[in-house]
Amino acid sequence: MAKPSAEPTVPRRQIAALPWRIVDGRLEVCLVTTRETRRWTIPKGWPMRNRTDRDAARLEAEQEAGVTGKPTKAPIGTYDYFKRLVDRFELLRVEVYALKATKTLEDWKEKGEREVRWFTAADAALLVDEPELATLITRFTPEAA
């Protein structure tokens, strides 16, 4: 029988965008559903070769949510979650870039594969499963972007 490892798990890194906009003086954030479990989350993916992390976050928002804009120069925070794989769960640390939405695209790569909706920050925080992401959304202000 194998002994459990005493080595700490080092999480793999992902990059995400928190798309935001102001409508009628109210902050809204964009959430997307995951393709497999249909949970609400923010657009995210793996770091991309030959792209800065902030540009990768912008591209994830375009591909998954059909939203483009200007990402912050540095992450506004991180959160950890466990990604469900076929035979195990993997710990991931997600670096989140706020993305001021400047345009909603009519067509994008994953259109039809995910649901995309805008929510108040309070509602979005209630819908996401990850407590650290909920806190990040709740604490976000446009002034921080």
N, C-alpha and C. Protein backbone atom coordinates (compact mmCIF):
# COMPACT_ATOMS: atom_id res chain seq x y z
N MET A 1 0.84 -1.18 0.00
CA MET A 1 0.00 0.00 0.00
C MET A 1 0.89 1.24 0.00
N ALA A 2 0.61 2.17 -0.90
CA ALA A 2 1.42 3.38 -1.02
C ALA A 2 1.17 4.31 0.17
N LYS A 3 2.27 4.91 0.64
CA LYS A 3 2.15 5.87 1.72
C LYS A 3 1.74 7.22 1.15
N PRO A 4 0.90 7.97 1.86
CA PRO A 4 0.54 9.30 1.39
C PRO A 4 1.79 10.18 1.36
N SER A 5 1.86 11.02 0.38
CA SER A 5 3.01 11.91 0.24
C SER A 5 2.93 13.05 1.25
N ALA A 6 4.07 13.36 1.82
CA ALA A 6 4.14 14.48 2.75
C ALA A 6 4.49 15.77 1.99
N GLU A 7 4.76 15.64 0.70
CA GLU A 7 5.11 16.81 -0.11
C GLU A 7 3.88 17.70 -0.30
N PRO A 8 4.05 19.01 -0.11
CA PRO A 8 2.91 19.90 -0.35
C PRO A 8 2.58 19.93 -1.84
N THR A 9 1.30 20.06 -2.14
CA THR A 9 0.87 20.15 -3.52
C THR A 9 1.08 21.58 -4.01
N VAL A 10 1.81 21.72 -5.10
CA VAL A 10 2.02 23.03 -5.70
C VAL A 10 0.97 23.17 -6.80
N PRO A 11 0.08 24.15 -6.66
CA PRO A 11 -0.97 24.26 -7.67
C PRO A 11 -0.43 24.71 -9.02
N ARG A 12 -1.04 24.18 -10.08
CA ARG A 12 -0.76 24.67 -11.43
C ARG A 12 -1.45 26.01 -11.57
N ARG A 13 -0.99 26.80 -12.53
CA ARG A 13 -1.46 28.17 -12.68
C ARG A 13 -2.41 28.31 -13.86
N GLN A 14 -3.48 29.08 -13.64
CA GLN A 14 -4.36 29.48 -14.73
C GLN A 14 -4.51 31.00 -14.71
N ILE A 15 -5.01 31.52 -15.82
CA ILE A 15 -5.21 32.95 -16.00
C ILE A 15 -6.70 33.18 -16.24
N ALA A 16 -7.26 34.24 -15.65
CA ALA A 16 -8.69 34.52 -15.83
C ALA A 16 -8.94 36.01 -16.01
N ALA A 17 -10.10 36.30 -16.56
CA ALA A 17 -10.57 37.68 -16.69
C ALA A 17 -11.84 37.84 -15.87
N LEU A 18 -11.96 38.97 -15.21
CA LEU A 18 -13.22 39.37 -14.58
C LEU A 18 -13.75 40.54 -15.40
N PRO A 19 -14.56 40.23 -16.44
CA PRO A 19 -15.11 41.32 -17.24
C PRO A 19 -16.11 42.13 -16.41
N TRP A 20 -16.02 43.47 -16.55
CA TRP A 20 -16.93 44.34 -15.79
C TRP A 20 -17.35 45.52 -16.65
N ARG A 21 -18.49 46.10 -16.27
CA ARG A 21 -19.01 47.30 -16.93
C ARG A 21 -19.90 48.04 -15.95
N ILE A 22 -20.18 49.28 -16.28
CA ILE A 22 -21.12 50.08 -15.50
C ILE A 22 -22.36 50.31 -16.36
N VAL A 23 -23.52 49.93 -15.84
CA VAL A 23 -24.79 50.14 -16.54
C VAL A 23 -25.72 50.89 -15.58
N ASP A 24 -26.19 52.06 -16.02
CA ASP A 24 -27.07 52.89 -15.18
C ASP A 24 -26.46 53.14 -13.80
N GLY A 25 -25.14 53.39 -13.80
CA GLY A 25 -24.45 53.69 -12.55
C GLY A 25 -24.19 52.50 -11.66
N ARG A 26 -24.46 51.30 -12.16
CA ARG A 26 -24.33 50.08 -11.35
C ARG A 26 -23.26 49.16 -11.94
N LEU A 27 -22.40 48.62 -11.08
CA LEU A 27 -21.37 47.68 -11.50
C LEU A 27 -21.99 46.34 -11.86
N GLU A 28 -21.62 45.81 -13.03
CA GLU A 28 -22.01 44.46 -13.43
C GLU A 28 -20.76 43.69 -13.80
N VAL A 29 -20.76 42.39 -13.53
CA VAL A 29 -19.66 41.51 -13.92
C VAL A 29 -20.24 40.39 -14.78
N CYS A 30 -19.41 39.87 -15.66
CA CYS A 30 -19.83 38.83 -16.59
C CYS A 30 -19.38 37.47 -16.08
N LEU A 31 -20.32 36.53 -16.04
CA LEU A 31 -20.00 35.15 -15.70
C LEU A 31 -20.35 34.26 -16.89
N VAL A 32 -19.66 33.13 -16.96
CA VAL A 32 -19.93 32.11 -17.98
C VAL A 32 -20.13 30.78 -17.27
N THR A 33 -20.83 29.87 -17.93
CA THR A 33 -20.95 28.53 -17.36
C THR A 33 -19.81 27.67 -17.89
N THR A 34 -19.42 26.71 -17.08
CA THR A 34 -18.42 25.75 -17.54
C THR A 34 -19.10 24.83 -18.56
N ARG A 35 -18.31 24.27 -19.44
CA ARG A 35 -18.90 23.45 -20.51
C ARG A 35 -19.46 22.13 -19.99
N GLU A 36 -18.79 21.52 -19.03
CA GLU A 36 -19.22 20.19 -18.60
C GLU A 36 -20.21 20.21 -17.44
N THR A 37 -19.91 20.94 -16.37
CA THR A 37 -20.78 20.88 -15.18
C THR A 37 -21.79 22.03 -15.14
N ARG A 38 -21.65 23.01 -16.05
CA ARG A 38 -22.58 24.14 -16.16
C ARG A 38 -22.59 25.03 -14.91
N ARG A 39 -21.47 25.02 -14.17
CA ARG A 39 -21.35 25.92 -13.01
C ARG A 39 -20.98 27.31 -13.50
N TRP A 40 -21.39 28.33 -12.74
CA TRP A 40 -21.02 29.71 -13.08
C TRP A 40 -19.59 30.00 -12.62
N THR A 41 -18.84 30.66 -13.49
CA THR A 41 -17.46 31.04 -13.17
C THR A 41 -17.09 32.23 -14.06
N ILE A 42 -15.82 32.60 -14.05
CA ILE A 42 -15.33 33.65 -14.93
C ILE A 42 -14.51 33.01 -16.05
N PRO A 43 -14.35 33.70 -17.18
CA PRO A 43 -13.54 33.14 -18.27
C PRO A 43 -12.11 32.90 -17.82
N LYS A 44 -11.61 31.68 -18.06
CA LYS A 44 -10.23 31.37 -17.63
C LYS A 44 -9.63 30.29 -18.51
N GLY A 45 -8.32 30.17 -18.42
CA GLY A 45 -7.62 29.15 -19.19
C GLY A 45 -6.16 29.11 -18.77
N TRP A 46 -5.37 28.45 -19.59
CA TRP A 46 -3.95 28.26 -19.28
C TRP A 46 -3.13 29.44 -19.80
N PRO A 47 -1.98 29.70 -19.16
CA PRO A 47 -1.06 30.71 -19.72
C PRO A 47 -0.75 30.34 -21.17
N MET A 48 -0.52 31.36 -21.99
CA MET A 48 -0.29 31.13 -23.42
C MET A 48 1.11 31.54 -23.81
N ARG A 49 1.76 30.66 -24.58
CA ARG A 49 3.09 30.94 -25.08
C ARG A 49 3.03 32.17 -25.98
N ASN A 50 4.01 33.03 -25.86
CA ASN A 50 4.15 34.25 -26.66
C ASN A 50 3.06 35.29 -26.40
N ARG A 51 2.36 35.19 -25.27
CA ARG A 51 1.37 36.19 -24.86
C ARG A 51 1.61 36.53 -23.40
N THR A 52 1.41 37.79 -23.06
CA THR A 52 1.47 38.16 -21.65
C THR A 52 0.25 37.55 -20.96
N ASP A 53 0.32 37.41 -19.65
CA ASP A 53 -0.82 36.87 -18.91
C ASP A 53 -2.05 37.76 -19.07
N ARG A 54 -1.86 39.08 -19.05
CA ARG A 54 -3.01 39.97 -19.19
C ARG A 54 -3.64 39.84 -20.57
N ASP A 55 -2.84 39.61 -21.60
CA ASP A 55 -3.39 39.42 -22.94
C ASP A 55 -4.09 38.06 -23.04
N ALA A 56 -3.55 37.06 -22.36
CA ALA A 56 -4.22 35.75 -22.33
C ALA A 56 -5.58 35.87 -21.64
N ALA A 57 -5.67 36.66 -20.58
CA ALA A 57 -6.95 36.88 -19.89
C ALA A 57 -7.95 37.55 -20.83
N ARG A 58 -7.50 38.54 -21.57
CA ARG A 58 -8.36 39.24 -22.54
C ARG A 58 -8.87 38.26 -23.59
N LEU A 59 -7.98 37.41 -24.09
CA LEU A 59 -8.35 36.44 -25.12
C LEU A 59 -9.35 35.41 -24.57
N GLU A 60 -9.17 34.96 -23.33
CA GLU A 60 -10.13 34.03 -22.72
C GLU A 60 -11.52 34.66 -22.65
N ALA A 61 -11.59 35.93 -22.29
CA ALA A 61 -12.89 36.62 -22.22
C ALA A 61 -13.53 36.69 -23.61
N GLU A 62 -12.73 36.92 -24.64
CA GLU A 62 -13.26 36.96 -26.00
C GLU A 62 -13.76 35.59 -26.42
N GLN A 63 -12.97 34.55 -26.19
CA GLN A 63 -13.31 33.21 -26.66
C GLN A 63 -14.48 32.59 -25.89
N GLU A 64 -14.54 32.81 -24.57
CA GLU A 64 -15.55 32.15 -23.75
C GLU A 64 -16.81 32.98 -23.56
N ALA A 65 -16.68 34.31 -23.53
CA ALA A 65 -17.83 35.16 -23.21
C ALA A 65 -18.21 36.12 -24.33
N GLY A 66 -17.37 36.26 -25.35
CA GLY A 66 -17.67 37.21 -26.42
C GLY A 66 -17.57 38.65 -25.96
N VAL A 67 -16.68 38.89 -24.99
CA VAL A 67 -16.48 40.23 -24.43
C VAL A 67 -15.02 40.61 -24.62
N THR A 68 -14.78 41.82 -25.08
CA THR A 68 -13.41 42.27 -25.19
C THR A 68 -13.27 43.61 -24.47
N GLY A 69 -12.04 43.96 -24.19
CA GLY A 69 -11.79 45.20 -23.46
C GLY A 69 -10.35 45.31 -23.04
N LYS A 70 -10.14 46.12 -22.02
CA LYS A 70 -8.78 46.38 -21.56
C LYS A 70 -8.57 45.73 -20.19
N PRO A 71 -7.60 44.79 -20.10
CA PRO A 71 -7.31 44.16 -18.81
C PRO A 71 -6.37 45.02 -17.97
N THR A 72 -6.42 44.82 -16.66
CA THR A 72 -5.48 45.49 -15.77
C THR A 72 -4.07 45.01 -16.06
N LYS A 73 -3.08 45.83 -15.72
CA LYS A 73 -1.68 45.46 -15.97
C LYS A 73 -1.24 44.31 -15.06
N ALA A 74 -1.79 44.26 -13.87
CA ALA A 74 -1.44 43.22 -12.89
C ALA A 74 -2.71 42.52 -12.42
N PRO A 75 -2.59 41.30 -11.91
CA PRO A 75 -3.79 40.61 -11.39
C PRO A 75 -4.40 41.39 -10.22
N ILE A 76 -5.72 41.31 -10.11
CA ILE A 76 -6.40 41.96 -8.97
C ILE A 76 -6.51 40.99 -7.80
N GLY A 77 -6.11 39.74 -8.02
CA GLY A 77 -6.15 38.74 -6.96
C GLY A 77 -6.03 37.34 -7.53
N THR A 78 -6.10 36.36 -6.65
CA THR A 78 -6.03 34.95 -7.05
C THR A 78 -7.09 34.18 -6.28
N TYR A 79 -7.40 33.01 -6.80
CA TYR A 79 -8.22 32.06 -6.04
C TYR A 79 -7.80 30.66 -6.44
N ASP A 80 -8.02 29.72 -5.53
CA ASP A 80 -7.69 28.32 -5.77
C ASP A 80 -8.97 27.53 -5.97
N TYR A 81 -8.89 26.50 -6.80
CA TYR A 81 -10.02 25.57 -6.94
C TYR A 81 -9.49 24.22 -7.39
N PHE A 82 -10.33 23.21 -7.26
CA PHE A 82 -9.98 21.88 -7.71
C PHE A 82 -10.69 21.61 -9.03
N LYS A 83 -9.90 21.31 -10.07
CA LYS A 83 -10.45 20.97 -11.38
C LYS A 83 -10.69 19.47 -11.42
N ARG A 84 -11.91 19.11 -11.85
CA ARG A 84 -12.27 17.70 -11.95
C ARG A 84 -11.66 17.12 -13.22
N LEU A 85 -10.81 16.11 -13.06
CA LEU A 85 -10.25 15.37 -14.18
C LEU A 85 -10.89 13.99 -14.21
N VAL A 86 -10.58 13.20 -15.21
CA VAL A 86 -11.19 11.88 -15.35
C VAL A 86 -10.93 11.00 -14.12
N ASP A 87 -9.69 11.01 -13.63
CA ASP A 87 -9.32 10.09 -12.56
C ASP A 87 -8.95 10.75 -11.24
N ARG A 88 -9.03 12.09 -11.18
CA ARG A 88 -8.62 12.78 -9.95
C ARG A 88 -9.04 14.24 -10.01
N PHE A 89 -8.75 14.94 -8.93
CA PHE A 89 -8.93 16.39 -8.90
C PHE A 89 -7.55 17.02 -8.87
N GLU A 90 -7.41 18.16 -9.53
CA GLU A 90 -6.12 18.86 -9.55
C GLU A 90 -6.30 20.26 -8.98
N LEU A 91 -5.39 20.64 -8.06
CA LEU A 91 -5.43 21.96 -7.47
C LEU A 91 -4.87 22.99 -8.45
N LEU A 92 -5.63 24.06 -8.68
CA LEU A 92 -5.20 25.13 -9.57
C LEU A 92 -5.28 26.46 -8.85
N ARG A 93 -4.34 27.35 -9.16
CA ARG A 93 -4.35 28.72 -8.66
C ARG A 93 -4.61 29.63 -9.85
N VAL A 94 -5.64 30.43 -9.76
CA VAL A 94 -6.07 31.29 -10.86
C VAL A 94 -5.71 32.74 -10.56
N GLU A 95 -4.95 33.35 -11.47
CA GLU A 95 -4.62 34.77 -11.38
C GLU A 95 -5.67 35.54 -12.17
N VAL A 96 -6.35 36.48 -11.52
CA VAL A 96 -7.49 37.17 -12.12
C VAL A 96 -7.12 38.61 -12.49
N TYR A 97 -7.39 38.94 -13.76
CA TYR A 97 -7.21 40.29 -14.28
C TYR A 97 -8.59 40.91 -14.50
N ALA A 98 -8.81 42.10 -13.96
CA ALA A 98 -10.06 42.80 -14.24
C ALA A 98 -10.01 43.25 -15.69
N LEU A 99 -11.13 43.13 -16.39
CA LEU A 99 -11.20 43.50 -17.80
C LEU A 99 -12.36 44.46 -18.00
N LYS A 100 -12.05 45.73 -18.24
CA LYS A 100 -13.10 46.72 -18.50
C LYS A 100 -13.68 46.43 -19.87
N ALA A 101 -14.92 45.96 -19.90
CA ALA A 101 -15.56 45.57 -21.16
C ALA A 101 -15.84 46.80 -22.01
N THR A 102 -15.34 46.76 -23.24
CA THR A 102 -15.58 47.87 -24.17
C THR A 102 -16.44 47.45 -25.35
N LYS A 103 -16.59 46.13 -25.56
CA LYS A 103 -17.37 45.67 -26.70
C LYS A 103 -17.86 44.25 -26.44
N THR A 104 -19.10 43.99 -26.85
CA THR A 104 -19.65 42.65 -26.83
C THR A 104 -19.70 42.17 -28.26
N LEU A 105 -19.09 41.03 -28.54
CA LEU A 105 -19.00 40.50 -29.90
C LEU A 105 -20.30 39.79 -30.28
N GLU A 106 -20.64 39.84 -31.56
CA GLU A 106 -21.83 39.12 -32.04
C GLU A 106 -21.54 37.64 -32.24
N ASP A 107 -20.30 37.31 -32.51
CA ASP A 107 -19.91 35.92 -32.72
C ASP A 107 -18.56 35.70 -32.05
N TRP A 108 -18.37 34.55 -31.41
CA TRP A 108 -17.10 34.23 -30.76
C TRP A 108 -16.92 32.72 -30.73
N LYS A 109 -15.71 32.31 -30.39
CA LYS A 109 -15.30 30.91 -30.51
C LYS A 109 -16.22 29.93 -29.78
N GLU A 110 -16.57 30.19 -28.53
CA GLU A 110 -17.34 29.22 -27.75
C GLU A 110 -18.82 29.59 -27.60
N LYS A 111 -19.31 30.43 -28.51
CA LYS A 111 -20.72 30.79 -28.50
C LYS A 111 -21.54 29.50 -28.67
N GLY A 112 -22.55 29.33 -27.89
CA GLY A 112 -23.37 28.13 -27.97
C GLY A 112 -22.88 27.01 -27.06
N GLU A 113 -21.64 27.11 -26.57
CA GLU A 113 -21.11 26.08 -25.67
C GLU A 113 -21.28 26.46 -24.20
N ARG A 114 -21.48 27.75 -23.96
CA ARG A 114 -21.59 28.26 -22.59
C ARG A 114 -22.74 29.26 -22.53
N GLU A 115 -23.28 29.42 -21.33
CA GLU A 115 -24.22 30.52 -21.11
C GLU A 115 -23.39 31.70 -20.62
N VAL A 116 -23.72 32.88 -21.09
CA VAL A 116 -23.01 34.10 -20.72
C VAL A 116 -24.04 35.10 -20.21
N ARG A 117 -23.80 35.63 -19.00
CA ARG A 117 -24.74 36.61 -18.44
C ARG A 117 -24.00 37.63 -17.60
N TRP A 118 -24.59 38.81 -17.53
CA TRP A 118 -24.09 39.89 -16.69
C TRP A 118 -24.91 39.92 -15.41
N PHE A 119 -24.22 40.08 -14.27
CA PHE A 119 -24.86 40.10 -12.96
C PHE A 119 -24.32 41.27 -12.14
N THR A 120 -25.08 41.68 -11.13
CA THR A 120 -24.50 42.58 -10.15
C THR A 120 -23.39 41.79 -9.46
N ALA A 121 -22.45 42.50 -8.87
CA ALA A 121 -21.35 41.80 -8.18
C ALA A 121 -21.90 40.93 -7.04
N ALA A 122 -22.91 41.42 -6.32
CA ALA A 122 -23.48 40.66 -5.21
C ALA A 122 -24.10 39.36 -5.71
N ASP A 123 -24.86 39.42 -6.81
CA ASP A 123 -25.47 38.20 -7.35
C ASP A 123 -24.41 37.24 -7.89
N ALA A 124 -23.41 37.78 -8.59
CA ALA A 124 -22.34 36.94 -9.14
C ALA A 124 -21.62 36.19 -8.02
N ALA A 125 -21.35 36.89 -6.93
CA ALA A 125 -20.64 36.27 -5.80
C ALA A 125 -21.45 35.11 -5.21
N LEU A 126 -22.76 35.22 -5.24
CA LEU A 126 -23.61 34.13 -4.73
C LEU A 126 -23.64 32.93 -5.68
N LEU A 127 -23.44 33.17 -6.97
CA LEU A 127 -23.56 32.11 -7.97
C LEU A 127 -22.30 31.26 -8.14
N VAL A 128 -21.13 31.84 -7.90
CA VAL A 128 -19.90 31.06 -8.09
C VAL A 128 -19.68 30.13 -6.90
N ASP A 129 -19.08 28.97 -7.16
CA ASP A 129 -18.86 27.97 -6.11
C ASP A 129 -17.63 28.24 -5.25
N GLU A 130 -16.64 28.91 -5.80
CA GLU A 130 -15.37 29.09 -5.10
C GLU A 130 -15.44 30.29 -4.15
N PRO A 131 -15.31 30.06 -2.84
CA PRO A 131 -15.41 31.16 -1.87
C PRO A 131 -14.40 32.28 -2.12
N GLU A 132 -13.17 31.94 -2.50
CA GLU A 132 -12.17 32.99 -2.75
C GLU A 132 -12.54 33.84 -3.96
N LEU A 133 -13.14 33.23 -4.98
CA LEU A 133 -13.60 33.99 -6.14
C LEU A 133 -14.77 34.88 -5.75
N ALA A 134 -15.68 34.37 -4.95
CA ALA A 134 -16.81 35.18 -4.47
C ALA A 134 -16.30 36.41 -3.72
N THR A 135 -15.32 36.23 -2.88
CA THR A 135 -14.75 37.34 -2.13
C THR A 135 -14.08 38.34 -3.07
N LEU A 136 -13.35 37.85 -4.04
CA LEU A 136 -12.68 38.73 -5.01
C LEU A 136 -13.72 39.56 -5.76
N ILE A 137 -14.82 38.94 -6.18
CA ILE A 137 -15.89 39.66 -6.90
C ILE A 137 -16.53 40.70 -5.99
N THR A 138 -16.82 40.32 -4.76
CA THR A 138 -17.48 41.23 -3.81
C THR A 138 -16.62 42.45 -3.51
N ARG A 139 -15.32 42.24 -3.41
CA ARG A 139 -14.41 43.33 -3.06
C ARG A 139 -13.98 44.20 -4.24
N PHE A 140 -14.26 43.73 -5.47
CA PHE A 140 -13.82 44.47 -6.65
C PHE A 140 -14.53 45.81 -6.77
N THR A 141 -13.75 46.84 -7.09
CA THR A 141 -14.31 48.15 -7.42
C THR A 141 -13.63 48.63 -8.69
N PRO A 142 -14.35 49.36 -9.55
CA PRO A 142 -13.74 49.88 -10.78
C PRO A 142 -12.52 50.76 -10.50
N GLU A 143 -12.48 51.40 -9.37
CA GLU A 143 -11.34 52.24 -9.02
C GLU A 143 -10.06 51.41 -8.87
N ALA A 144 -10.20 50.13 -8.56
CA ALA A 144 -9.05 49.24 -8.39
C ALA A 144 -8.51 48.78 -9.74
N ALA A 145 -9.28 48.99 -10.79
CA ALA A 145 -8.90 48.48 -12.12
C ALA A 145 -8.03 49.45 -12.88
